[in-house]
């Protein structure tokens, strides 16, 4: 911490032309309010969502469900991804836990749909990638 404070002090001296202990304390206080606004629980929840998407199979499933704009049966999803039934089940469970998809039983079939969270994230990600 002392090393980061010294570095902050050098940075503030460059930015302000001089740097007093009060300047460092004021900036540290400002920075701590940013950290408090984010909150550990919020960061953990967001990381859970990102971790759920950080796998090719799971991301493909989400993308397909977003593109479909309707429920798809697990048997349809299985035809799209090259994983075992157990791997598919685990991937779908992870996505449900992250609230990216919802599932419901329809007789003997299990159907899944993308949530608004998934639609929003896929839309943002698609828009953030340049296609040169």
N, C-alpha and C. Protein backbone atom coordinates (compact mmCIF):
# COMPACT_ATOMS: atom_id res chain seq x y z
N UNK A 1 0.83 -1.19 0.00
CA UNK A 1 0.00 0.00 0.00
C UNK A 1 0.87 1.25 0.00
N UNK A 2 1.97 1.22 0.75
CA UNK A 2 2.85 2.39 0.80
C UNK A 2 3.41 2.71 -0.57
N UNK A 3 3.77 1.66 -1.32
CA UNK A 3 4.32 1.88 -2.66
C UNK A 3 3.27 2.50 -3.58
N UNK A 4 2.02 2.04 -3.50
CA UNK A 4 0.97 2.61 -4.35
C UNK A 4 0.67 4.04 -3.93
N UNK A 5 0.76 4.35 -2.65
CA UNK A 5 0.55 5.73 -2.18
C UNK A 5 1.68 6.63 -2.67
N UNK A 6 2.90 6.13 -2.65
CA UNK A 6 4.03 6.92 -3.16
C UNK A 6 3.86 7.18 -4.66
N UNK A 7 3.42 6.19 -5.36
CA UNK A 7 3.21 6.35 -6.81
C UNK A 7 2.09 7.35 -7.07
N UNK A 8 1.01 7.26 -6.29
CA UNK A 8 -0.09 8.22 -6.41
C UNK A 8 0.40 9.63 -6.12
N UNK A 9 1.25 9.76 -5.12
CA UNK A 9 1.81 11.06 -4.78
C UNK A 9 2.63 11.62 -5.95
N UNK A 10 3.43 10.80 -6.59
CA UNK A 10 4.21 11.26 -7.76
C UNK A 10 3.27 11.66 -8.90
N UNK A 11 2.21 10.88 -9.11
CA UNK A 11 1.25 11.19 -10.16
C UNK A 11 0.58 12.53 -9.90
N UNK A 12 0.11 12.72 -8.67
CA UNK A 12 -0.56 13.98 -8.32
C UNK A 12 0.39 15.17 -8.44
N UNK A 13 1.63 14.96 -8.08
CA UNK A 13 2.62 16.03 -8.21
C UNK A 13 2.77 16.41 -9.69
N UNK A 14 2.79 15.43 -10.57
CA UNK A 14 2.86 15.70 -12.01
C UNK A 14 1.61 16.44 -12.49
N UNK A 15 0.45 16.00 -12.03
CA UNK A 15 -0.81 16.57 -12.49
C UNK A 15 -1.07 17.97 -11.91
N UNK A 16 -0.74 18.13 -10.62
CA UNK A 16 -1.05 19.38 -9.94
C UNK A 16 0.11 20.36 -9.89
N UNK A 17 1.28 19.91 -10.24
CA UNK A 17 2.46 20.75 -10.15
C UNK A 17 3.11 20.68 -8.78
N UNK A 18 2.38 20.23 -7.81
CA UNK A 18 2.89 19.98 -6.46
C UNK A 18 1.94 19.00 -5.80
N UNK A 19 2.36 18.42 -4.71
CA UNK A 19 1.50 17.44 -4.04
C UNK A 19 1.78 17.48 -2.55
N UNK A 20 0.71 17.75 -1.81
CA UNK A 20 0.80 17.74 -0.35
C UNK A 20 0.10 16.50 0.17
N UNK A 21 0.34 16.19 1.42
CA UNK A 21 -0.31 15.03 2.03
C UNK A 21 -1.83 15.14 1.96
N UNK A 22 -2.35 16.37 2.06
CA UNK A 22 -3.80 16.57 2.00
C UNK A 22 -4.34 16.19 0.62
N UNK A 23 -3.54 16.47 -0.43
CA UNK A 23 -3.95 16.12 -1.79
C UNK A 23 -4.07 14.60 -1.94
N UNK A 24 -3.09 13.89 -1.40
CA UNK A 24 -3.11 12.43 -1.47
C UNK A 24 -4.30 11.89 -0.69
N UNK A 25 -4.52 12.40 0.52
CA UNK A 25 -5.64 11.93 1.34
C UNK A 25 -6.96 12.20 0.65
N UNK A 26 -7.13 13.40 0.08
CA UNK A 26 -8.38 13.74 -0.60
C UNK A 26 -8.63 12.80 -1.78
N UNK A 27 -7.58 12.53 -2.56
CA UNK A 27 -7.74 11.64 -3.71
C UNK A 27 -8.02 10.21 -3.28
N UNK A 28 -7.37 9.75 -2.24
CA UNK A 28 -7.66 8.41 -1.72
C UNK A 28 -9.10 8.30 -1.24
N UNK A 29 -9.59 9.35 -0.59
CA UNK A 29 -11.00 9.37 -0.17
C UNK A 29 -11.94 9.30 -1.37
N UNK A 30 -11.63 10.06 -2.42
CA UNK A 30 -12.44 10.03 -3.64
C UNK A 30 -12.44 8.64 -4.27
N UNK A 31 -11.26 8.05 -4.34
CA UNK A 31 -11.14 6.72 -4.94
C UNK A 31 -11.89 5.67 -4.13
N UNK A 32 -11.89 5.80 -2.81
CA UNK A 32 -12.60 4.82 -1.99
C UNK A 32 -14.11 4.93 -2.17
N UNK A 33 -14.62 6.13 -2.50
CA UNK A 33 -16.06 6.24 -2.76
C UNK A 33 -16.42 5.52 -4.06
N UNK A 34 -15.52 5.56 -5.06
CA UNK A 34 -15.78 4.82 -6.31
C UNK A 34 -15.87 3.33 -6.01
N UNK A 35 -14.93 2.85 -5.21
CA UNK A 35 -14.90 1.43 -4.86
C UNK A 35 -16.15 1.04 -4.09
N UNK A 36 -16.58 1.90 -3.16
CA UNK A 36 -17.78 1.62 -2.36
C UNK A 36 -19.03 1.60 -3.22
N UNK A 37 -19.09 2.47 -4.24
CA UNK A 37 -20.25 2.51 -5.13
C UNK A 37 -20.41 1.20 -5.89
N UNK A 38 -19.32 0.60 -6.29
CA UNK A 38 -19.38 -0.65 -7.03
C UNK A 38 -19.85 -1.77 -6.11
N UNK A 39 -19.24 -1.92 -4.97
CA UNK A 39 -19.64 -2.92 -3.99
C UNK A 39 -19.17 -4.32 -4.35
N UNK A 40 -18.72 -5.04 -3.36
CA UNK A 40 -18.21 -6.39 -3.54
C UNK A 40 -19.29 -7.34 -4.04
N UNK A 41 -20.49 -7.25 -3.50
CA UNK A 41 -21.57 -8.14 -3.92
C UNK A 41 -21.91 -7.94 -5.39
N UNK A 42 -21.92 -6.68 -5.83
CA UNK A 42 -22.21 -6.38 -7.23
C UNK A 42 -21.12 -6.95 -8.14
N UNK A 43 -19.88 -6.75 -7.76
CA UNK A 43 -18.76 -7.27 -8.55
C UNK A 43 -18.85 -8.79 -8.64
N UNK A 44 -19.12 -9.45 -7.52
CA UNK A 44 -19.23 -10.91 -7.51
C UNK A 44 -20.35 -11.39 -8.43
N UNK A 45 -21.49 -10.72 -8.38
CA UNK A 45 -22.62 -11.10 -9.24
C UNK A 45 -22.28 -10.92 -10.71
N UNK A 46 -21.62 -9.81 -11.04
CA UNK A 46 -21.25 -9.56 -12.43
C UNK A 46 -20.21 -10.57 -12.91
N UNK A 47 -19.26 -10.91 -12.05
CA UNK A 47 -18.25 -11.90 -12.41
C UNK A 47 -18.87 -13.28 -12.63
N UNK A 48 -19.90 -13.62 -11.88
CA UNK A 48 -20.60 -14.89 -12.08
C UNK A 48 -21.21 -14.94 -13.49
N UNK A 49 -21.80 -13.83 -13.92
CA UNK A 49 -22.40 -13.77 -15.26
C UNK A 49 -21.31 -13.89 -16.32
N UNK A 50 -20.23 -13.13 -16.14
CA UNK A 50 -19.14 -13.18 -17.12
C UNK A 50 -18.50 -14.56 -17.16
N UNK A 51 -18.34 -15.19 -16.01
CA UNK A 51 -17.77 -16.54 -15.96
C UNK A 51 -18.68 -17.53 -16.69
N UNK A 52 -19.98 -17.36 -16.57
CA UNK A 52 -20.92 -18.24 -17.26
C UNK A 52 -20.79 -18.11 -18.78
N UNK A 53 -20.47 -16.92 -19.25
CA UNK A 53 -20.32 -16.69 -20.69
C UNK A 53 -18.93 -17.04 -21.21
N UNK A 54 -17.98 -17.23 -20.31
CA UNK A 54 -16.58 -17.40 -20.70
C UNK A 54 -16.25 -18.85 -21.03
N UNK A 55 -17.11 -19.46 -21.81
CA UNK A 55 -16.92 -20.84 -22.24
C UNK A 55 -17.62 -20.96 -23.59
N UNK A 56 -16.95 -21.56 -24.56
CA UNK A 56 -17.50 -21.61 -25.92
C UNK A 56 -18.87 -22.27 -25.98
N UNK A 57 -19.04 -23.39 -25.29
CA UNK A 57 -20.33 -24.08 -25.33
C UNK A 57 -21.43 -23.23 -24.73
N UNK A 58 -21.18 -22.67 -23.54
CA UNK A 58 -22.22 -21.86 -22.89
C UNK A 58 -22.54 -20.60 -23.69
N UNK A 59 -21.50 -19.96 -24.22
CA UNK A 59 -21.76 -18.74 -25.00
C UNK A 59 -22.51 -19.07 -26.29
N UNK A 60 -22.18 -20.17 -26.92
CA UNK A 60 -22.91 -20.59 -28.12
C UNK A 60 -24.38 -20.84 -27.79
N UNK A 61 -24.63 -21.51 -26.68
CA UNK A 61 -26.02 -21.77 -26.28
C UNK A 61 -26.79 -20.47 -26.07
N UNK A 62 -26.16 -19.53 -25.39
CA UNK A 62 -26.82 -18.23 -25.15
C UNK A 62 -27.07 -17.53 -26.48
N UNK A 63 -26.06 -17.47 -27.34
CA UNK A 63 -26.22 -16.81 -28.65
C UNK A 63 -27.35 -17.44 -29.47
N UNK A 64 -27.41 -18.77 -29.46
CA UNK A 64 -28.46 -19.47 -30.22
C UNK A 64 -29.84 -19.13 -29.65
N UNK A 65 -29.96 -19.14 -28.33
CA UNK A 65 -31.25 -18.84 -27.72
C UNK A 65 -31.66 -17.39 -27.95
N UNK A 66 -30.71 -16.48 -27.94
CA UNK A 66 -31.01 -15.08 -28.24
C UNK A 66 -31.46 -14.95 -29.69
N UNK A 67 -30.74 -15.60 -30.60
CA UNK A 67 -31.08 -15.53 -32.03
C UNK A 67 -32.44 -16.15 -32.30
N UNK A 68 -32.76 -17.24 -31.61
CA UNK A 68 -34.01 -17.95 -31.84
C UNK A 68 -35.23 -17.10 -31.46
N UNK A 69 -35.10 -16.29 -30.44
CA UNK A 69 -36.20 -15.47 -29.93
C UNK A 69 -37.42 -16.31 -29.55
N UNK A 70 -37.15 -17.54 -29.18
CA UNK A 70 -38.21 -18.44 -28.73
C UNK A 70 -37.58 -19.54 -27.89
N UNK A 71 -38.43 -20.34 -27.29
CA UNK A 71 -37.94 -21.48 -26.54
C UNK A 71 -37.39 -22.53 -27.49
N UNK A 72 -36.33 -23.19 -27.06
CA UNK A 72 -35.80 -24.33 -27.79
C UNK A 72 -35.71 -25.51 -26.85
N UNK A 73 -36.01 -26.67 -27.37
CA UNK A 73 -35.93 -27.90 -26.60
C UNK A 73 -34.47 -28.26 -26.39
N UNK A 74 -34.19 -28.93 -25.30
CA UNK A 74 -32.82 -29.36 -25.01
C UNK A 74 -32.29 -30.25 -26.14
N UNK A 75 -33.16 -31.01 -26.78
CA UNK A 75 -32.71 -31.86 -27.89
C UNK A 75 -32.27 -31.02 -29.08
N UNK A 76 -32.90 -29.85 -29.28
CA UNK A 76 -32.47 -28.95 -30.36
C UNK A 76 -31.12 -28.32 -30.02
N UNK A 77 -30.95 -27.95 -28.78
CA UNK A 77 -29.68 -27.37 -28.34
C UNK A 77 -28.55 -28.39 -28.44
N UNK A 78 -28.86 -29.63 -28.11
CA UNK A 78 -27.85 -30.68 -28.16
C UNK A 78 -27.36 -30.90 -29.59
N UNK A 79 -28.24 -30.68 -30.56
CA UNK A 79 -27.86 -30.84 -31.96
C UNK A 79 -26.90 -29.74 -32.42
N UNK A 80 -26.84 -28.65 -31.67
CA UNK A 80 -26.01 -27.50 -32.06
C UNK A 80 -24.61 -27.57 -31.47
N UNK A 81 -24.49 -28.07 -30.26
CA UNK A 81 -23.18 -28.09 -29.60
C UNK A 81 -22.64 -29.52 -29.51
N UNK A 82 -21.35 -29.64 -29.64
CA UNK A 82 -20.70 -30.95 -29.64
C UNK A 82 -20.19 -31.28 -28.24
N UNK A 83 -21.14 -31.61 -27.36
CA UNK A 83 -20.80 -32.01 -25.99
C UNK A 83 -21.67 -33.18 -25.59
N UNK A 84 -21.27 -33.85 -24.54
CA UNK A 84 -22.06 -34.97 -24.03
C UNK A 84 -23.35 -34.43 -23.41
N UNK A 85 -24.31 -35.33 -23.17
CA UNK A 85 -25.56 -34.92 -22.52
C UNK A 85 -25.27 -34.33 -21.14
N UNK A 86 -24.33 -34.94 -20.45
CA UNK A 86 -23.99 -34.43 -19.12
C UNK A 86 -23.32 -33.06 -19.22
N UNK A 87 -22.46 -32.87 -20.23
CA UNK A 87 -21.84 -31.56 -20.45
C UNK A 87 -22.86 -30.49 -20.80
N UNK A 88 -23.85 -30.86 -21.61
CA UNK A 88 -24.92 -29.94 -21.97
C UNK A 88 -25.75 -29.58 -20.75
N UNK A 89 -26.07 -30.57 -19.96
CA UNK A 89 -26.86 -30.35 -18.74
C UNK A 89 -26.13 -29.40 -17.80
N UNK A 90 -24.84 -29.61 -17.64
CA UNK A 90 -24.04 -28.75 -16.76
C UNK A 90 -23.98 -27.32 -17.31
N UNK A 91 -23.79 -27.19 -18.62
CA UNK A 91 -23.73 -25.85 -19.24
C UNK A 91 -25.06 -25.12 -19.05
N UNK A 92 -26.17 -25.82 -19.28
CA UNK A 92 -27.48 -25.19 -19.13
C UNK A 92 -27.74 -24.80 -17.67
N UNK A 93 -27.33 -25.65 -16.77
CA UNK A 93 -27.50 -25.34 -15.34
C UNK A 93 -26.71 -24.10 -14.94
N UNK A 94 -25.50 -23.98 -15.44
CA UNK A 94 -24.67 -22.80 -15.16
C UNK A 94 -25.34 -21.54 -15.70
N UNK A 95 -25.89 -21.62 -16.89
CA UNK A 95 -26.55 -20.45 -17.50
C UNK A 95 -27.84 -20.08 -16.77
N UNK A 96 -28.55 -21.07 -16.28
CA UNK A 96 -29.75 -20.80 -15.47
C UNK A 96 -29.35 -20.11 -14.17
N UNK A 97 -28.32 -20.63 -13.52
CA UNK A 97 -27.84 -20.05 -12.26
C UNK A 97 -27.42 -18.59 -12.44
N UNK A 98 -26.85 -18.27 -13.61
CA UNK A 98 -26.41 -16.90 -13.90
C UNK A 98 -27.56 -16.03 -14.41
N UNK A 99 -28.75 -16.61 -14.46
CA UNK A 99 -29.97 -15.92 -14.91
C UNK A 99 -29.84 -15.41 -16.34
N UNK A 100 -29.14 -16.18 -17.17
CA UNK A 100 -29.02 -15.86 -18.58
C UNK A 100 -30.06 -16.59 -19.42
N UNK A 101 -30.54 -17.71 -18.90
CA UNK A 101 -31.61 -18.45 -19.56
C UNK A 101 -32.58 -18.96 -18.50
N UNK A 102 -33.77 -19.28 -18.95
CA UNK A 102 -34.74 -19.93 -18.07
C UNK A 102 -35.13 -21.24 -18.71
N UNK A 103 -35.51 -22.19 -17.89
CA UNK A 103 -35.92 -23.49 -18.38
C UNK A 103 -37.25 -23.87 -17.78
N UNK A 104 -38.00 -24.63 -18.55
CA UNK A 104 -39.26 -25.14 -18.03
C UNK A 104 -39.52 -26.51 -18.62
N UNK A 105 -40.22 -27.31 -17.86
CA UNK A 105 -40.60 -28.65 -18.28
C UNK A 105 -41.88 -28.53 -19.09
N UNK A 106 -41.92 -29.19 -20.24
CA UNK A 106 -43.12 -29.22 -21.09
C UNK A 106 -43.40 -30.69 -21.41
N UNK A 107 -44.19 -31.32 -20.55
CA UNK A 107 -44.40 -32.76 -20.68
C UNK A 107 -43.11 -33.48 -20.40
N UNK A 108 -42.64 -34.25 -21.35
CA UNK A 108 -41.38 -34.96 -21.14
C UNK A 108 -40.18 -34.21 -21.69
N UNK A 109 -40.39 -32.99 -22.17
CA UNK A 109 -39.34 -32.19 -22.78
C UNK A 109 -38.95 -31.02 -21.88
N UNK A 110 -37.71 -30.63 -21.97
CA UNK A 110 -37.22 -29.46 -21.24
C UNK A 110 -36.91 -28.39 -22.28
N UNK A 111 -37.45 -27.18 -22.06
CA UNK A 111 -37.27 -26.09 -23.01
C UNK A 111 -36.59 -24.92 -22.32
N UNK A 112 -35.77 -24.21 -23.10
CA UNK A 112 -35.01 -23.07 -22.58
C UNK A 112 -35.25 -21.84 -23.43
N UNK A 113 -35.12 -20.69 -22.78
CA UNK A 113 -35.29 -19.39 -23.43
C UNK A 113 -34.27 -18.43 -22.86
N UNK A 114 -33.79 -17.50 -23.70
CA UNK A 114 -32.86 -16.46 -23.24
C UNK A 114 -33.62 -15.44 -22.40
N UNK A 115 -32.97 -14.92 -21.38
CA UNK A 115 -33.56 -13.87 -20.55
C UNK A 115 -33.21 -12.50 -21.15
N UNK A 116 -33.85 -11.47 -20.64
CA UNK A 116 -33.53 -10.11 -21.07
C UNK A 116 -32.07 -9.78 -20.79
N UNK A 117 -31.54 -10.29 -19.69
CA UNK A 117 -30.12 -10.08 -19.36
C UNK A 117 -29.23 -10.63 -20.48
N UNK A 118 -29.52 -11.84 -20.95
CA UNK A 118 -28.73 -12.46 -22.02
C UNK A 118 -28.87 -11.66 -23.31
N UNK A 119 -30.07 -11.25 -23.62
CA UNK A 119 -30.31 -10.48 -24.85
C UNK A 119 -29.50 -9.18 -24.82
N UNK A 120 -29.53 -8.51 -23.69
CA UNK A 120 -28.78 -7.26 -23.55
C UNK A 120 -27.29 -7.48 -23.68
N UNK A 121 -26.77 -8.48 -22.98
CA UNK A 121 -25.32 -8.75 -23.03
C UNK A 121 -24.86 -9.15 -24.43
N UNK A 122 -25.60 -10.00 -25.09
CA UNK A 122 -25.22 -10.42 -26.45
C UNK A 122 -25.27 -9.22 -27.40
N UNK A 123 -26.28 -8.40 -27.26
CA UNK A 123 -26.39 -7.21 -28.10
C UNK A 123 -25.21 -6.28 -27.90
N UNK A 124 -24.84 -6.05 -26.66
CA UNK A 124 -23.69 -5.18 -26.36
C UNK A 124 -22.41 -5.80 -26.89
N UNK A 125 -22.21 -7.07 -26.68
CA UNK A 125 -20.99 -7.73 -27.15
C UNK A 125 -20.90 -7.72 -28.67
N UNK A 126 -22.02 -7.97 -29.35
CA UNK A 126 -22.02 -7.93 -30.82
C UNK A 126 -21.65 -6.54 -31.32
N UNK A 127 -22.15 -5.52 -30.65
CA UNK A 127 -21.88 -4.15 -31.05
C UNK A 127 -20.49 -3.66 -30.70
N UNK A 128 -19.82 -4.38 -29.81
CA UNK A 128 -18.50 -3.93 -29.37
C UNK A 128 -17.35 -4.52 -30.18
N UNK A 129 -17.66 -5.45 -31.05
CA UNK A 129 -16.63 -6.11 -31.85
C UNK A 129 -16.63 -5.51 -33.26
N UNK A 130 -15.47 -5.05 -33.68
CA UNK A 130 -15.38 -4.48 -35.04
C UNK A 130 -15.21 -5.60 -36.05
N UNK A 131 -15.83 -5.42 -37.19
CA UNK A 131 -15.76 -6.41 -38.27
C UNK A 131 -15.05 -5.79 -39.46
N UNK A 132 -13.74 -5.69 -39.36
CA UNK A 132 -12.94 -5.06 -40.42
C UNK A 132 -12.66 -6.00 -41.55
